[in-house]
Amino acid sequence: MSTNTHVPHGTTLEVRDTCLCLHAQRSARALARRFDQALRPVSLKHGQFSLLIALNRPEPPPIGAVAELLAMDRTTLTANLKPLQRRGLIEIQPDPTDRRTRRLSLTAEGSTLLAEAVPIWRETHRKLEAALAPGEADQLRQSLNALV
């Protein structure tokens, strides 16, 4: 292990200017604030919207599939589901064929709230994409997906 405890300021500038993780986190926080503000009228945060939209499927998905889609560990997902469950927006039920597996579904109230939130998401998303040059949004999605 190195005994050098000094990191030159040049290293700080290098990380600031080149670190993909730092730039992704900064962008994610800025986008999250924008969507949180937009979704405030329906009392949702961006993460809650993402969770509800992930449950909008013909069949209730298992927790593991939702965790994978959202790139979350199951413990974090479970913690994020609890406020939605308390609000009566989702249901968590045992899988009928495997009682160890839990399946997630939107309630009627959750579906209604999601239907109110989607136009807000669409308009916010449209404005964000309009701020980018043509093709940049698709390129950004491809690049971000390549890192996942």
N, C-alpha and C. Protein backbone atom coordinates (compact mmCIF):
# COMPACT_ATOMS: atom_id res chain seq x y z
N MET A 1 0.84 -1.17 0.00
CA MET A 1 0.00 0.00 0.00
C MET A 1 0.89 1.24 0.00
N SER A 2 0.49 2.26 -0.74
CA SER A 2 1.27 3.48 -0.87
C SER A 2 1.25 4.28 0.44
N THR A 3 2.39 4.91 0.74
CA THR A 3 2.46 5.76 1.93
C THR A 3 2.27 7.23 1.57
N ASN A 4 2.13 7.54 0.27
CA ASN A 4 1.92 8.91 -0.16
C ASN A 4 0.48 9.31 0.16
N THR A 5 0.33 10.33 1.01
CA THR A 5 -1.01 10.77 1.41
C THR A 5 -1.44 12.05 0.71
N HIS A 6 -0.62 12.52 -0.21
CA HIS A 6 -0.94 13.77 -0.90
C HIS A 6 -1.44 13.46 -2.32
N VAL A 7 -2.60 13.98 -2.63
CA VAL A 7 -3.13 13.87 -3.99
C VAL A 7 -3.03 15.25 -4.60
N PRO A 8 -2.31 15.40 -5.69
CA PRO A 8 -2.14 16.72 -6.29
C PRO A 8 -3.48 17.29 -6.78
N HIS A 9 -3.58 18.61 -6.76
CA HIS A 9 -4.79 19.27 -7.23
C HIS A 9 -5.08 18.92 -8.69
N GLY A 10 -4.06 18.66 -9.45
CA GLY A 10 -4.24 18.25 -10.85
C GLY A 10 -5.10 17.00 -10.96
N THR A 11 -4.99 16.11 -9.97
CA THR A 11 -5.80 14.91 -9.96
C THR A 11 -7.27 15.26 -9.75
N THR A 12 -7.51 16.22 -8.89
CA THR A 12 -8.88 16.69 -8.66
C THR A 12 -9.48 17.21 -9.96
N LEU A 13 -8.70 17.99 -10.69
CA LEU A 13 -9.18 18.53 -11.97
C LEU A 13 -9.39 17.42 -12.99
N GLU A 14 -8.50 16.43 -12.98
CA GLU A 14 -8.64 15.29 -13.89
C GLU A 14 -9.96 14.56 -13.63
N VAL A 15 -10.23 14.27 -12.37
CA VAL A 15 -11.47 13.56 -12.01
C VAL A 15 -12.67 14.43 -12.37
N ARG A 16 -12.61 15.70 -12.02
CA ARG A 16 -13.72 16.61 -12.33
C ARG A 16 -14.04 16.65 -13.81
N ASP A 17 -13.01 16.62 -14.62
CA ASP A 17 -13.20 16.78 -16.07
C ASP A 17 -13.43 15.48 -16.82
N THR A 18 -13.05 14.34 -16.25
CA THR A 18 -13.10 13.10 -17.03
C THR A 18 -13.92 11.97 -16.42
N CYS A 19 -14.24 12.03 -15.14
CA CYS A 19 -14.88 10.89 -14.46
C CYS A 19 -16.30 10.67 -14.98
N LEU A 20 -16.50 9.54 -15.63
CA LEU A 20 -17.83 9.21 -16.15
C LEU A 20 -18.85 9.08 -15.02
N CYS A 21 -18.44 8.51 -13.91
CA CYS A 21 -19.36 8.33 -12.78
C CYS A 21 -19.80 9.69 -12.25
N LEU A 22 -18.88 10.59 -12.05
CA LEU A 22 -19.21 11.93 -11.56
C LEU A 22 -20.17 12.64 -12.51
N HIS A 23 -19.87 12.59 -13.80
CA HIS A 23 -20.72 13.27 -14.78
C HIS A 23 -22.11 12.62 -14.86
N ALA A 24 -22.16 11.30 -14.78
CA ALA A 24 -23.45 10.61 -14.79
C ALA A 24 -24.26 10.96 -13.55
N GLN A 25 -23.60 11.00 -12.38
CA GLN A 25 -24.30 11.34 -11.14
C GLN A 25 -24.83 12.77 -11.18
N ARG A 26 -24.01 13.70 -11.65
CA ARG A 26 -24.45 15.10 -11.74
C ARG A 26 -25.65 15.22 -12.66
N SER A 27 -25.57 14.56 -13.80
CA SER A 27 -26.69 14.61 -14.75
C SER A 27 -27.93 13.96 -14.17
N ALA A 28 -27.75 12.82 -13.53
CA ALA A 28 -28.88 12.11 -12.93
C ALA A 28 -29.56 12.96 -11.86
N ARG A 29 -28.77 13.64 -11.04
CA ARG A 29 -29.36 14.50 -10.01
C ARG A 29 -30.13 15.66 -10.63
N ALA A 30 -29.56 16.27 -11.65
CA ALA A 30 -30.24 17.39 -12.32
C ALA A 30 -31.54 16.92 -12.97
N LEU A 31 -31.49 15.78 -13.65
CA LEU A 31 -32.71 15.23 -14.26
C LEU A 31 -33.74 14.87 -13.19
N ALA A 32 -33.28 14.27 -12.12
CA ALA A 32 -34.19 13.88 -11.03
C ALA A 32 -34.90 15.11 -10.46
N ARG A 33 -34.15 16.18 -10.23
CA ARG A 33 -34.78 17.40 -9.71
C ARG A 33 -35.84 17.92 -10.68
N ARG A 34 -35.52 17.88 -11.96
CA ARG A 34 -36.45 18.38 -12.96
C ARG A 34 -37.74 17.55 -12.99
N PHE A 35 -37.60 16.23 -12.98
CA PHE A 35 -38.78 15.37 -13.00
C PHE A 35 -39.52 15.42 -11.67
N ASP A 36 -38.80 15.51 -10.55
CA ASP A 36 -39.47 15.65 -9.25
C ASP A 36 -40.35 16.89 -9.23
N GLN A 37 -39.82 17.99 -9.73
CA GLN A 37 -40.59 19.23 -9.76
C GLN A 37 -41.81 19.09 -10.68
N ALA A 38 -41.61 18.49 -11.83
CA ALA A 38 -42.71 18.33 -12.78
C ALA A 38 -43.81 17.42 -12.22
N LEU A 39 -43.42 16.37 -11.51
CA LEU A 39 -44.38 15.39 -11.00
C LEU A 39 -45.00 15.79 -9.66
N ARG A 40 -44.56 16.90 -9.11
CA ARG A 40 -45.09 17.35 -7.81
C ARG A 40 -46.62 17.46 -7.80
N PRO A 41 -47.27 17.95 -8.87
CA PRO A 41 -48.73 18.06 -8.82
C PRO A 41 -49.47 16.73 -8.60
N VAL A 42 -48.82 15.61 -8.93
CA VAL A 42 -49.45 14.31 -8.69
C VAL A 42 -48.81 13.59 -7.49
N SER A 43 -48.03 14.34 -6.72
CA SER A 43 -47.42 13.83 -5.48
C SER A 43 -46.54 12.60 -5.70
N LEU A 44 -45.75 12.65 -6.78
CA LEU A 44 -44.80 11.57 -7.06
C LEU A 44 -43.41 12.14 -7.22
N LYS A 45 -42.43 11.34 -6.88
CA LYS A 45 -41.03 11.61 -7.19
C LYS A 45 -40.69 10.81 -8.44
N HIS A 46 -39.58 11.18 -9.09
CA HIS A 46 -39.22 10.50 -10.34
C HIS A 46 -39.03 9.00 -10.13
N GLY A 47 -38.43 8.61 -9.01
CA GLY A 47 -38.21 7.19 -8.74
C GLY A 47 -39.52 6.43 -8.55
N GLN A 48 -40.49 7.08 -7.94
CA GLN A 48 -41.79 6.45 -7.75
C GLN A 48 -42.50 6.30 -9.09
N PHE A 49 -42.38 7.31 -9.95
CA PHE A 49 -42.96 7.20 -11.28
C PHE A 49 -42.32 6.02 -12.02
N SER A 50 -41.01 5.91 -11.97
CA SER A 50 -40.31 4.80 -12.64
C SER A 50 -40.78 3.45 -12.12
N LEU A 51 -40.99 3.38 -10.82
CA LEU A 51 -41.48 2.13 -10.22
C LEU A 51 -42.89 1.81 -10.69
N LEU A 52 -43.76 2.79 -10.68
CA LEU A 52 -45.14 2.55 -11.13
C LEU A 52 -45.17 2.14 -12.59
N ILE A 53 -44.39 2.82 -13.43
CA ILE A 53 -44.39 2.50 -14.87
C ILE A 53 -43.83 1.09 -15.08
N ALA A 54 -42.88 0.68 -14.24
CA ALA A 54 -42.30 -0.67 -14.35
C ALA A 54 -43.32 -1.75 -14.01
N LEU A 55 -44.35 -1.39 -13.25
CA LEU A 55 -45.39 -2.35 -12.88
C LEU A 55 -46.56 -2.36 -13.86
N ASN A 56 -46.54 -1.47 -14.80
CA ASN A 56 -47.63 -1.35 -15.77
C ASN A 56 -47.45 -2.39 -16.86
N ARG A 57 -47.81 -3.63 -16.53
CA ARG A 57 -47.61 -4.78 -17.42
C ARG A 57 -48.89 -5.61 -17.43
N PRO A 58 -49.02 -6.44 -18.45
CA PRO A 58 -50.21 -7.31 -18.50
C PRO A 58 -50.29 -8.28 -17.32
N GLU A 59 -49.14 -8.76 -16.85
CA GLU A 59 -49.09 -9.69 -15.71
C GLU A 59 -48.22 -9.09 -14.62
N PRO A 60 -48.58 -9.26 -13.36
CA PRO A 60 -47.76 -8.72 -12.27
C PRO A 60 -46.36 -9.34 -12.27
N PRO A 61 -45.33 -8.49 -12.36
CA PRO A 61 -43.97 -9.02 -12.40
C PRO A 61 -43.46 -9.41 -11.01
N PRO A 62 -42.51 -10.34 -10.97
CA PRO A 62 -41.87 -10.65 -9.69
C PRO A 62 -40.91 -9.52 -9.30
N ILE A 63 -40.65 -9.40 -8.02
CA ILE A 63 -39.77 -8.35 -7.51
C ILE A 63 -38.42 -8.38 -8.22
N GLY A 64 -37.87 -9.55 -8.44
CA GLY A 64 -36.55 -9.67 -9.08
C GLY A 64 -36.51 -9.05 -10.46
N ALA A 65 -37.55 -9.24 -11.24
CA ALA A 65 -37.59 -8.68 -12.60
C ALA A 65 -37.64 -7.15 -12.56
N VAL A 66 -38.38 -6.60 -11.61
CA VAL A 66 -38.47 -5.15 -11.48
C VAL A 66 -37.13 -4.59 -11.00
N ALA A 67 -36.51 -5.26 -10.05
CA ALA A 67 -35.20 -4.83 -9.55
C ALA A 67 -34.18 -4.81 -10.69
N GLU A 68 -34.21 -5.83 -11.52
CA GLU A 68 -33.29 -5.90 -12.65
C GLU A 68 -33.55 -4.76 -13.64
N LEU A 69 -34.80 -4.53 -13.98
CA LEU A 69 -35.14 -3.46 -14.92
C LEU A 69 -34.65 -2.10 -14.42
N LEU A 70 -34.81 -1.85 -13.13
CA LEU A 70 -34.46 -0.56 -12.56
C LEU A 70 -33.01 -0.51 -12.05
N ALA A 71 -32.27 -1.59 -12.23
CA ALA A 71 -30.88 -1.70 -11.78
C ALA A 71 -30.75 -1.38 -10.30
N MET A 72 -31.65 -1.98 -9.51
CA MET A 72 -31.67 -1.80 -8.05
C MET A 72 -31.47 -3.16 -7.40
N ASP A 73 -30.90 -3.14 -6.21
CA ASP A 73 -30.89 -4.40 -5.47
C ASP A 73 -32.27 -4.57 -4.84
N ARG A 74 -32.60 -5.80 -4.53
CA ARG A 74 -33.95 -6.12 -4.05
C ARG A 74 -34.28 -5.41 -2.74
N THR A 75 -33.29 -5.24 -1.88
CA THR A 75 -33.52 -4.57 -0.60
C THR A 75 -33.92 -3.11 -0.82
N THR A 76 -33.21 -2.43 -1.70
CA THR A 76 -33.53 -1.04 -2.01
C THR A 76 -34.91 -0.95 -2.66
N LEU A 77 -35.19 -1.86 -3.58
CA LEU A 77 -36.49 -1.86 -4.23
C LEU A 77 -37.60 -2.05 -3.20
N THR A 78 -37.43 -3.00 -2.30
CA THR A 78 -38.44 -3.26 -1.28
C THR A 78 -38.68 -2.01 -0.44
N ALA A 79 -37.63 -1.33 -0.06
CA ALA A 79 -37.78 -0.09 0.72
C ALA A 79 -38.53 0.98 -0.08
N ASN A 80 -38.29 1.04 -1.37
CA ASN A 80 -38.96 2.03 -2.21
C ASN A 80 -40.42 1.67 -2.51
N LEU A 81 -40.75 0.40 -2.39
CA LEU A 81 -42.13 -0.03 -2.61
C LEU A 81 -43.05 0.31 -1.44
N LYS A 82 -42.50 0.32 -0.24
CA LYS A 82 -43.32 0.49 0.96
C LYS A 82 -44.18 1.77 0.94
N PRO A 83 -43.61 2.96 0.59
CA PRO A 83 -44.47 4.15 0.57
C PRO A 83 -45.59 4.05 -0.46
N LEU A 84 -45.30 3.41 -1.58
CA LEU A 84 -46.33 3.25 -2.61
C LEU A 84 -47.42 2.29 -2.14
N GLN A 85 -47.01 1.28 -1.41
CA GLN A 85 -47.98 0.32 -0.86
C GLN A 85 -48.83 1.01 0.20
N ARG A 86 -48.20 1.81 1.07
CA ARG A 86 -48.96 2.52 2.12
C ARG A 86 -49.97 3.48 1.50
N ARG A 87 -49.63 4.07 0.35
CA ARG A 87 -50.55 4.99 -0.32
C ARG A 87 -51.65 4.26 -1.09
N GLY A 88 -51.56 2.95 -1.13
CA GLY A 88 -52.57 2.16 -1.83
C GLY A 88 -52.40 2.16 -3.33
N LEU A 89 -51.19 2.44 -3.81
CA LEU A 89 -50.93 2.50 -5.25
C LEU A 89 -50.49 1.17 -5.83
N ILE A 90 -49.93 0.30 -4.99
CA ILE A 90 -49.46 -1.00 -5.45
C ILE A 90 -49.88 -2.09 -4.47
N GLU A 91 -49.85 -3.31 -4.95
CA GLU A 91 -50.07 -4.48 -4.11
C GLU A 91 -48.88 -5.41 -4.27
N ILE A 92 -48.51 -6.04 -3.18
CA ILE A 92 -47.45 -7.05 -3.18
C ILE A 92 -48.09 -8.34 -2.71
N GLN A 93 -48.09 -9.35 -3.60
CA GLN A 93 -48.75 -10.61 -3.26
C GLN A 93 -47.84 -11.78 -3.59
N PRO A 94 -48.04 -12.88 -2.88
CA PRO A 94 -47.26 -14.09 -3.19
C PRO A 94 -47.63 -14.61 -4.58
N ASP A 95 -46.64 -15.16 -5.26
CA ASP A 95 -46.88 -15.81 -6.55
C ASP A 95 -47.72 -17.06 -6.28
N PRO A 96 -48.79 -17.27 -7.06
CA PRO A 96 -49.64 -18.45 -6.80
C PRO A 96 -48.93 -19.78 -7.00
N THR A 97 -47.89 -19.81 -7.83
CA THR A 97 -47.19 -21.08 -8.09
C THR A 97 -45.93 -21.25 -7.25
N ASP A 98 -45.41 -20.16 -6.68
CA ASP A 98 -44.20 -20.23 -5.85
C ASP A 98 -44.36 -19.21 -4.72
N ARG A 99 -44.78 -19.66 -3.57
CA ARG A 99 -45.11 -18.78 -2.45
C ARG A 99 -43.91 -17.97 -1.95
N ARG A 100 -42.67 -18.36 -2.34
CA ARG A 100 -41.48 -17.60 -1.92
C ARG A 100 -41.31 -16.34 -2.76
N THR A 101 -41.90 -16.32 -3.94
CA THR A 101 -41.78 -15.19 -4.86
C THR A 101 -42.92 -14.22 -4.63
N ARG A 102 -42.61 -12.93 -4.65
CA ARG A 102 -43.62 -11.89 -4.52
C ARG A 102 -43.83 -11.23 -5.88
N ARG A 103 -45.08 -10.97 -6.19
CA ARG A 103 -45.44 -10.28 -7.44
C ARG A 103 -46.00 -8.91 -7.10
N LEU A 104 -45.74 -7.97 -7.99
CA LEU A 104 -46.12 -6.58 -7.78
C LEU A 104 -47.15 -6.15 -8.80
N SER A 105 -48.14 -5.42 -8.36
CA SER A 105 -49.14 -4.93 -9.30
C SER A 105 -49.64 -3.56 -8.88
N LEU A 106 -50.11 -2.82 -9.86
CA LEU A 106 -50.74 -1.53 -9.61
C LEU A 106 -52.16 -1.78 -9.11
N THR A 107 -52.60 -0.96 -8.18
CA THR A 107 -54.01 -0.97 -7.79
C THR A 107 -54.76 -0.07 -8.77
N ALA A 108 -56.06 -0.02 -8.66
CA ALA A 108 -56.85 0.88 -9.51
C ALA A 108 -56.41 2.32 -9.26
N GLU A 109 -56.16 2.66 -7.99
CA GLU A 109 -55.69 4.01 -7.66
C GLU A 109 -54.31 4.28 -8.26
N GLY A 110 -53.45 3.27 -8.23
CA GLY A 110 -52.12 3.41 -8.82
C GLY A 110 -52.19 3.61 -10.32
N SER A 111 -53.06 2.87 -10.98
CA SER A 111 -53.24 3.02 -12.43
C SER A 111 -53.77 4.40 -12.78
N THR A 112 -54.70 4.89 -11.99
CA THR A 112 -55.27 6.23 -12.22
C THR A 112 -54.20 7.30 -12.06
N LEU A 113 -53.41 7.20 -10.99
CA LEU A 113 -52.35 8.18 -10.75
C LEU A 113 -51.31 8.12 -11.85
N LEU A 114 -50.96 6.92 -12.28
CA LEU A 114 -49.99 6.77 -13.37
C LEU A 114 -50.52 7.42 -14.65
N ALA A 115 -51.81 7.24 -14.93
CA ALA A 115 -52.41 7.87 -16.12
C ALA A 115 -52.35 9.39 -16.03
N GLU A 116 -52.43 9.95 -14.84
CA GLU A 116 -52.29 11.40 -14.66
C GLU A 116 -50.84 11.84 -14.82
N ALA A 117 -49.92 10.99 -14.41
CA ALA A 117 -48.49 11.35 -14.42
C ALA A 117 -47.86 11.22 -15.80
N VAL A 118 -48.32 10.31 -16.63
CA VAL A 118 -47.68 10.08 -17.93
C VAL A 118 -47.65 11.32 -18.81
N PRO A 119 -48.73 12.09 -18.94
CA PRO A 119 -48.64 13.30 -19.76
C PRO A 119 -47.61 14.31 -19.22
N ILE A 120 -47.48 14.38 -17.91
CA ILE A 120 -46.48 15.26 -17.30
C ILE A 120 -45.09 14.77 -17.67
N TRP A 121 -44.87 13.47 -17.54
CA TRP A 121 -43.58 12.89 -17.92
C TRP A 121 -43.28 13.17 -19.39
N ARG A 122 -44.28 12.93 -20.25
CA ARG A 122 -44.07 13.13 -21.70
C ARG A 122 -43.66 14.55 -22.01
N GLU A 123 -44.35 15.52 -21.44
CA GLU A 123 -44.05 16.93 -21.72
C GLU A 123 -42.67 17.31 -21.19
N THR A 124 -42.34 16.87 -20.00
CA THR A 124 -41.02 17.15 -19.42
C THR A 124 -39.93 16.51 -20.27
N HIS A 125 -40.18 15.27 -20.67
CA HIS A 125 -39.20 14.54 -21.49
C HIS A 125 -39.04 15.20 -22.86
N ARG A 126 -40.15 15.64 -23.44
CA ARG A 126 -40.10 16.32 -24.74
C ARG A 126 -39.23 17.57 -24.66
N LYS A 127 -39.40 18.34 -23.61
CA LYS A 127 -38.59 19.56 -23.43
C LYS A 127 -37.11 19.24 -23.27
N LEU A 128 -36.82 18.18 -22.53
CA LEU A 128 -35.42 17.79 -22.35
C LEU A 128 -34.79 17.38 -23.68
N GLU A 129 -35.50 16.56 -24.43
CA GLU A 129 -34.96 16.12 -25.73
C GLU A 129 -34.83 17.29 -26.70
N ALA A 130 -35.75 18.26 -26.62
CA ALA A 130 -35.69 19.42 -27.51
C ALA A 130 -34.45 20.27 -27.24
N ALA A 131 -33.92 20.19 -26.03
CA ALA A 131 -32.72 20.96 -25.68
C ALA A 131 -31.45 20.33 -26.26
N LEU A 132 -31.56 19.11 -26.76
CA LEU A 132 -30.42 18.42 -27.35
C LEU A 132 -30.46 18.54 -28.87
N ALA A 133 -29.31 18.39 -29.49
CA ALA A 133 -29.24 18.40 -30.95
C ALA A 133 -29.91 17.14 -31.49
N PRO A 134 -30.40 17.18 -32.73
CA PRO A 134 -31.04 16.00 -33.32
C PRO A 134 -30.14 14.77 -33.22
N GLY A 135 -30.72 13.68 -32.76
CA GLY A 135 -29.99 12.42 -32.64
C GLY A 135 -29.22 12.25 -31.35
N GLU A 136 -28.99 13.34 -30.61
CA GLU A 136 -28.20 13.24 -29.38
C GLU A 136 -28.91 12.41 -28.30
N ALA A 137 -30.22 12.52 -28.20
CA ALA A 137 -30.94 11.77 -27.17
C ALA A 137 -30.79 10.27 -27.41
N ASP A 138 -30.95 9.85 -28.67
CA ASP A 138 -30.78 8.42 -28.98
C ASP A 138 -29.35 7.97 -28.70
N GLN A 139 -28.40 8.80 -29.07
CA GLN A 139 -26.99 8.47 -28.84
C GLN A 139 -26.70 8.37 -27.34
N LEU A 140 -27.26 9.30 -26.57
CA LEU A 140 -27.06 9.27 -25.13
C LEU A 140 -27.66 8.01 -24.52
N ARG A 141 -28.88 7.65 -24.92
CA ARG A 141 -29.51 6.42 -24.41
C ARG A 141 -28.65 5.20 -24.73
N GLN A 142 -28.15 5.13 -25.97
CA GLN A 142 -27.31 3.99 -26.36
C GLN A 142 -26.03 3.94 -25.53
N SER A 143 -25.41 5.08 -25.33
CA SER A 143 -24.17 5.12 -24.54
C SER A 143 -24.43 4.72 -23.09
N LEU A 144 -25.49 5.23 -22.50
CA LEU A 144 -25.80 4.88 -21.12
C LEU A 144 -26.15 3.40 -21.00
N ASN A 145 -26.92 2.88 -21.93
CA ASN A 145 -27.25 1.45 -21.90
C ASN A 145 -26.02 0.57 -22.08
N ALA A 146 -25.04 1.04 -22.83
CA ALA A 146 -23.81 0.27 -23.01
C ALA A 146 -23.05 0.13 -21.69
N LEU A 147 -23.19 1.12 -20.81
CA LEU A 147 -22.51 1.07 -19.52
C LEU A 147 -23.23 0.18 -18.50
N VAL A 148 -24.51 -0.03 -18.72
CA VAL A 148 -25.27 -0.89 -17.80
C VAL A 148 -24.93 -2.33 -18.09
